[in-house]
Amino acid sequence: MSLTDPVADLLARIRNSIHARHQKLDIPASKLKLEIARILKEEGYIANFKATEEDGRKVLRIYLKYGADNAAAISNLQRVSRPGCRVYVGRNDIPRVLGGLGINILTTPKGVMTGRKARKEGVGGEVLCDVW
């Protein structure tokens, strides 16, 4: 089965796992998904992640994070740029998510990074998703 939008699949699986209160989830791994997971961990939205191999397939295992009141660290994820409608922003037009409370993840010429870091580095790129 080939996916037309692996990033949307990743976000949907994370969203579904949070609603079902799972502790961890497995998804097929790719370099882009690993970078997205790295950013989510750095920003404190997931507890951890690791890339493993099962039956010759690369698998990304994401450990979800819940607070003391059992509330998920991620309240929502939203795909911004889709295969049918790409969204590119210049370095001065990077949007803020929930007035700076959330993050957006961008692919830039300098790699995958948060909107805040891209602003600091002075680069624009494709807005992959918003997380809050």
C-alpha atoms as a PDB file:
ATOM      1  CA  MET A   1       0.000   0.000   0.000  1.00  0.00           C
ATOM      2  CA  SER A   2       1.486   3.350  -0.977  1.00  0.00           C
ATOM      3  CA  LEU A   3       0.564   6.487   0.909  1.00  0.00           C
ATOM      4  CA  THR A   4       0.135   9.715  -0.990  1.00  0.00           C
ATOM      5  CA  ASP A   5       0.662  11.773   2.179  1.00  0.00           C
ATOM      6  CA  PRO A   6       2.817  10.014   4.813  1.00  0.00           C
ATOM      7  CA  VAL A   7       2.919  13.123   7.052  1.00  0.00           C
ATOM      8  CA  ALA A   8      -0.892  13.332   7.219  1.00  0.00           C
ATOM      9  CA  ASP A   9      -0.904   9.600   8.059  1.00  0.00           C
ATOM     10  CA  LEU A  10       1.599  10.218  10.888  1.00  0.00           C
ATOM     11  CA  LEU A  11      -0.513  13.068  12.311  1.00  0.00           C
ATOM     12  CA  ALA A  12      -3.743  11.052  12.049  1.00  0.00           C
ATOM     13  CA  ARG A  13      -2.175   8.080  13.841  1.00  0.00           C
ATOM     14  CA  ILE A  14      -0.860  10.297  16.657  1.00  0.00           C
ATOM     15  CA  ARG A  15      -4.273  12.006  16.971  1.00  0.00           C
ATOM     16  CA  ASN A  16      -6.102   8.643  17.066  1.00  0.00           C
ATOM     17  CA  SER A  17      -3.685   7.169  19.605  1.00  0.00           C
ATOM     18  CA  ILE A  18      -4.137  10.166  21.906  1.00  0.00           C
ATOM     19  CA  HIS A  19      -7.930   9.871  21.723  1.00  0.00           C
ATOM     20  CA  ALA A  20      -7.640   6.159  22.530  1.00  0.00           C
ATOM     21  CA  ARG A  21      -5.208   6.968  25.402  1.00  0.00           C
ATOM     22  CA  HIS A  22      -2.453   4.696  24.059  1.00  0.00           C
ATOM     23  CA  GLN A  23       1.020   4.937  25.598  1.00  0.00           C
ATOM     24  CA  LYS A  24       2.867   4.283  22.341  1.00  0.00           C
ATOM     25  CA  LEU A  25       2.289   3.826  18.623  1.00  0.00           C
ATOM     26  CA  ASP A  26       4.216   2.281  15.741  1.00  0.00           C
ATOM     27  CA  ILE A  27       4.340   3.740  12.242  1.00  0.00           C
ATOM     28  CA  PRO A  28       6.452   3.031   9.163  1.00  0.00           C
ATOM     29  CA  ALA A  29       9.600   5.142   9.481  1.00  0.00           C
ATOM     30  CA  SER A  30      11.089   7.674   7.082  1.00  0.00           C
ATOM     31  CA  LYS A  31      13.702  10.416   7.469  1.00  0.00           C
ATOM     32  CA  LEU A  32      11.027  13.126   7.462  1.00  0.00           C
ATOM     33  CA  LYS A  33       8.917  11.347  10.116  1.00  0.00           C
ATOM     34  CA  LEU A  34      12.032  10.907  12.291  1.00  0.00           C
ATOM     35  CA  GLU A  35      12.722  14.643  12.027  1.00  0.00           C
ATOM     36  CA  ILE A  36       9.108  15.480  12.941  1.00  0.00           C
ATOM     37  CA  ALA A  37       9.317  13.114  15.940  1.00  0.00           C
ATOM     38  CA  ARG A  38      12.635  14.714  17.000  1.00  0.00           C
ATOM     39  CA  ILE A  39      11.029  18.168  16.977  1.00  0.00           C
ATOM     40  CA  LEU A  40       7.947  16.954  18.892  1.00  0.00           C
ATOM     41  CA  LYS A  41      10.273  15.503  21.569  1.00  0.00           C
ATOM     42  CA  GLU A  42      12.452  18.647  21.747  1.00  0.00           C
ATOM     43  CA  GLU A  43       9.348  20.801  22.166  1.00  0.00           C
ATOM     44  CA  GLY A  44       7.950  18.478  24.865  1.00  0.00           C
ATOM     45  CA  TYR A  45       4.898  17.158  22.986  1.00  0.00           C
ATOM     46  CA  ILE A  46       5.909  13.476  23.135  1.00  0.00           C
ATOM     47  CA  ALA A  47       7.810  11.549  25.793  1.00  0.00           C
ATOM     48  CA  ASN A  48      10.223   9.785  23.440  1.00  0.00           C
ATOM     49  CA  PHE A  49      10.664   8.036  20.107  1.00  0.00           C
ATOM     50  CA  LYS A  50      12.941   5.416  18.626  1.00  0.00           C
ATOM     51  CA  ALA A  51      13.575   3.931  15.224  1.00  0.00           C
ATOM     52  CA  THR A  52      13.669   0.130  15.205  1.00  0.00           C
ATOM     53  CA  GLU A  53      13.456  -2.582  12.614  1.00  0.00           C
ATOM     54  CA  GLU A  54      10.800  -5.286  12.610  1.00  0.00           C
ATOM     55  CA  ASP A  55      10.686  -8.020   9.943  1.00  0.00           C
ATOM     56  CA  GLY A  56      13.081  -6.032   7.750  1.00  0.00           C
ATOM     57  CA  ARG A  57      10.894  -2.910   7.883  1.00  0.00           C
ATOM     58  CA  LYS A  58      11.962   0.314   9.545  1.00  0.00           C
ATOM     59  CA  VAL A  59       9.478   1.255  12.269  1.00  0.00           C
ATOM     60  CA  LEU A  60       9.194   4.498  14.219  1.00  0.00           C
ATOM     61  CA  ARG A  61       7.884   3.959  17.746  1.00  0.00           C
ATOM     62  CA  ILE A  62       6.502   7.086  19.399  1.00  0.00           C
ATOM     63  CA  TYR A  63       5.866   7.219  23.158  1.00  0.00           C
ATOM     64  CA  LEU A  64       3.044   9.650  23.906  1.00  0.00           C
ATOM     65  CA  LYS A  65       3.118  12.087  26.803  1.00  0.00           C
ATOM     66  CA  TYR A  66       0.299  12.694  29.281  1.00  0.00           C
ATOM     67  CA  GLY A  67       0.161  15.149  32.175  1.00  0.00           C
ATOM     68  CA  ALA A  68      -0.675  14.462  35.820  1.00  0.00           C
ATOM     69  CA  ASP A  69      -4.393  14.962  35.134  1.00  0.00           C
ATOM     70  CA  ASN A  70      -4.127  12.417  32.262  1.00  0.00           C
ATOM     71  CA  ALA A  71      -4.417  15.210  29.695  1.00  0.00           C
ATOM     72  CA  ALA A  72      -2.369  14.669  26.549  1.00  0.00           C
ATOM     73  CA  ALA A  73       0.541  17.042  25.897  1.00  0.00           C
ATOM     74  CA  ILE A  74      -0.762  17.420  22.336  1.00  0.00           C
ATOM     75  CA  SER A  75      -4.258  18.871  22.168  1.00  0.00           C
ATOM     76  CA  ASN A  76      -4.319  18.857  18.360  1.00  0.00           C
ATOM     77  CA  LEU A  77      -2.245  18.480  15.195  1.00  0.00           C
ATOM     78  CA  GLN A  78      -3.185  19.999  11.883  1.00  0.00           C
ATOM     79  CA  ARG A  79      -1.700  19.389   8.439  1.00  0.00           C
ATOM     80  CA  VAL A  80      -1.060  22.699   6.673  1.00  0.00           C
ATOM     81  CA  SER A  81       0.723  21.893   3.411  1.00  0.00           C
ATOM     82  CA  ARG A  82      -0.837  18.981   1.519  1.00  0.00           C
ATOM     83  CA  PRO A  83       0.226  17.221  -1.702  1.00  0.00           C
ATOM     84  CA  GLY A  84      -2.691  18.944  -3.503  1.00  0.00           C
ATOM     85  CA  CYS A  85      -2.019  22.374  -2.034  1.00  0.00           C
ATOM     86  CA  ARG A  86       1.506  23.140  -0.876  1.00  0.00           C
ATOM     87  CA  VAL A  87       1.960  26.055   1.518  1.00  0.00           C
ATOM     88  CA  TYR A  88       5.272  27.908   1.360  1.00  0.00           C
ATOM     89  CA  VAL A  89       6.190  30.919   3.483  1.00  0.00           C
ATOM     90  CA  GLY A  90       9.011  33.406   3.356  1.00  0.00           C
ATOM     91  CA  ARG A  91      11.123  34.020   6.450  1.00  0.00           C
ATOM     92  CA  ASN A  92       9.046  37.093   7.347  1.00  0.00           C
ATOM     93  CA  ASP A  93       5.674  35.393   6.868  1.00  0.00           C
ATOM     94  CA  ILE A  94       6.012  32.386   9.199  1.00  0.00           C
ATOM     95  CA  PRO A  95       2.667  32.230  11.061  1.00  0.00           C
ATOM     96  CA  ARG A  96       2.386  31.967  14.832  1.00  0.00           C
ATOM     97  CA  VAL A  97       0.287  29.088  16.179  1.00  0.00           C
ATOM     98  CA  LEU A  98      -2.224  30.086  18.873  1.00  0.00           C
ATOM     99  CA  GLY A  99      -0.326  33.328  19.486  1.00  0.00           C
ATOM    100  CA  GLY A 100       2.930  31.488  20.146  1.00  0.00           C
ATOM    101  CA  LEU A 101       1.472  28.739  22.360  1.00  0.00           C
ATOM    102  CA  GLY A 102       1.762  26.081  19.659  1.00  0.00           C
ATOM    103  CA  ILE A 103       4.470  25.273  17.142  1.00  0.00           C
ATOM    104  CA  ASN A 104       4.593  24.808  13.412  1.00  0.00           C
ATOM    105  CA  ILE A 105       7.027  22.450  11.710  1.00  0.00           C
ATOM    106  CA  LEU A 106       8.699  23.592   8.496  1.00  0.00           C
ATOM    107  CA  THR A 107      10.964  21.968   5.944  1.00  0.00           C
ATOM    108  CA  THR A 108      13.605  24.514   5.028  1.00  0.00           C
ATOM    109  CA  PRO A 109      16.828  24.467   3.005  1.00  0.00           C
ATOM    110  CA  LYS A 110      18.584  24.101   6.386  1.00  0.00           C
ATOM    111  CA  GLY A 111      16.503  21.043   7.358  1.00  0.00           C
ATOM    112  CA  VAL A 112      13.307  20.377   9.291  1.00  0.00           C
ATOM    113  CA  MET A 113      12.739  22.871  12.123  1.00  0.00           C
ATOM    114  CA  THR A 114      10.133  24.747  14.118  1.00  0.00           C
ATOM    115  CA  GLY A 115       8.753  28.062  12.898  1.00  0.00           C
ATOM    116  CA  ARG A 116      10.458  29.822  15.809  1.00  0.00           C
ATOM    117  CA  LYS A 117      13.888  28.448  14.868  1.00  0.00           C
ATOM    118  CA  ALA A 118      13.306  29.201  11.176  1.00  0.00           C
ATOM    119  CA  ARG A 119      12.501  32.819  12.094  1.00  0.00           C
ATOM    120  CA  LYS A 120      15.730  32.994  14.102  1.00  0.00           C
ATOM    121  CA  GLU A 121      17.794  31.400  11.295  1.00  0.00           C
ATOM    122  CA  GLY A 122      16.167  33.714   8.755  1.00  0.00           C
ATOM    123  CA  VAL A 123      14.858  31.005   6.430  1.00  0.00           C
ATOM    124  CA  GLY A 124      11.423  30.217   5.027  1.00  0.00           C
ATOM    125  CA  GLY A 125      10.111  26.943   3.661  1.00  0.00           C
ATOM    126  CA  GLU A 126       7.148  24.623   3.433  1.00  0.00           C
ATOM    127  CA  VAL A 127       4.828  24.574   6.468  1.00  0.00           C
ATOM    128  CA  LEU A 128       4.204  20.888   7.183  1.00  0.00           C
ATOM    129  CA  CYS A 129       1.923  21.094  10.214  1.00  0.00           C
ATOM    130  CA  ASP A 130       0.789  22.985  13.316  1.00  0.00           C
ATOM    131  CA  VAL A 131       0.897  21.386  16.772  1.00  0.00           C
ATOM    132  CA  TRP A 132      -0.693  22.713  19.948  1.00  0.00           C
END
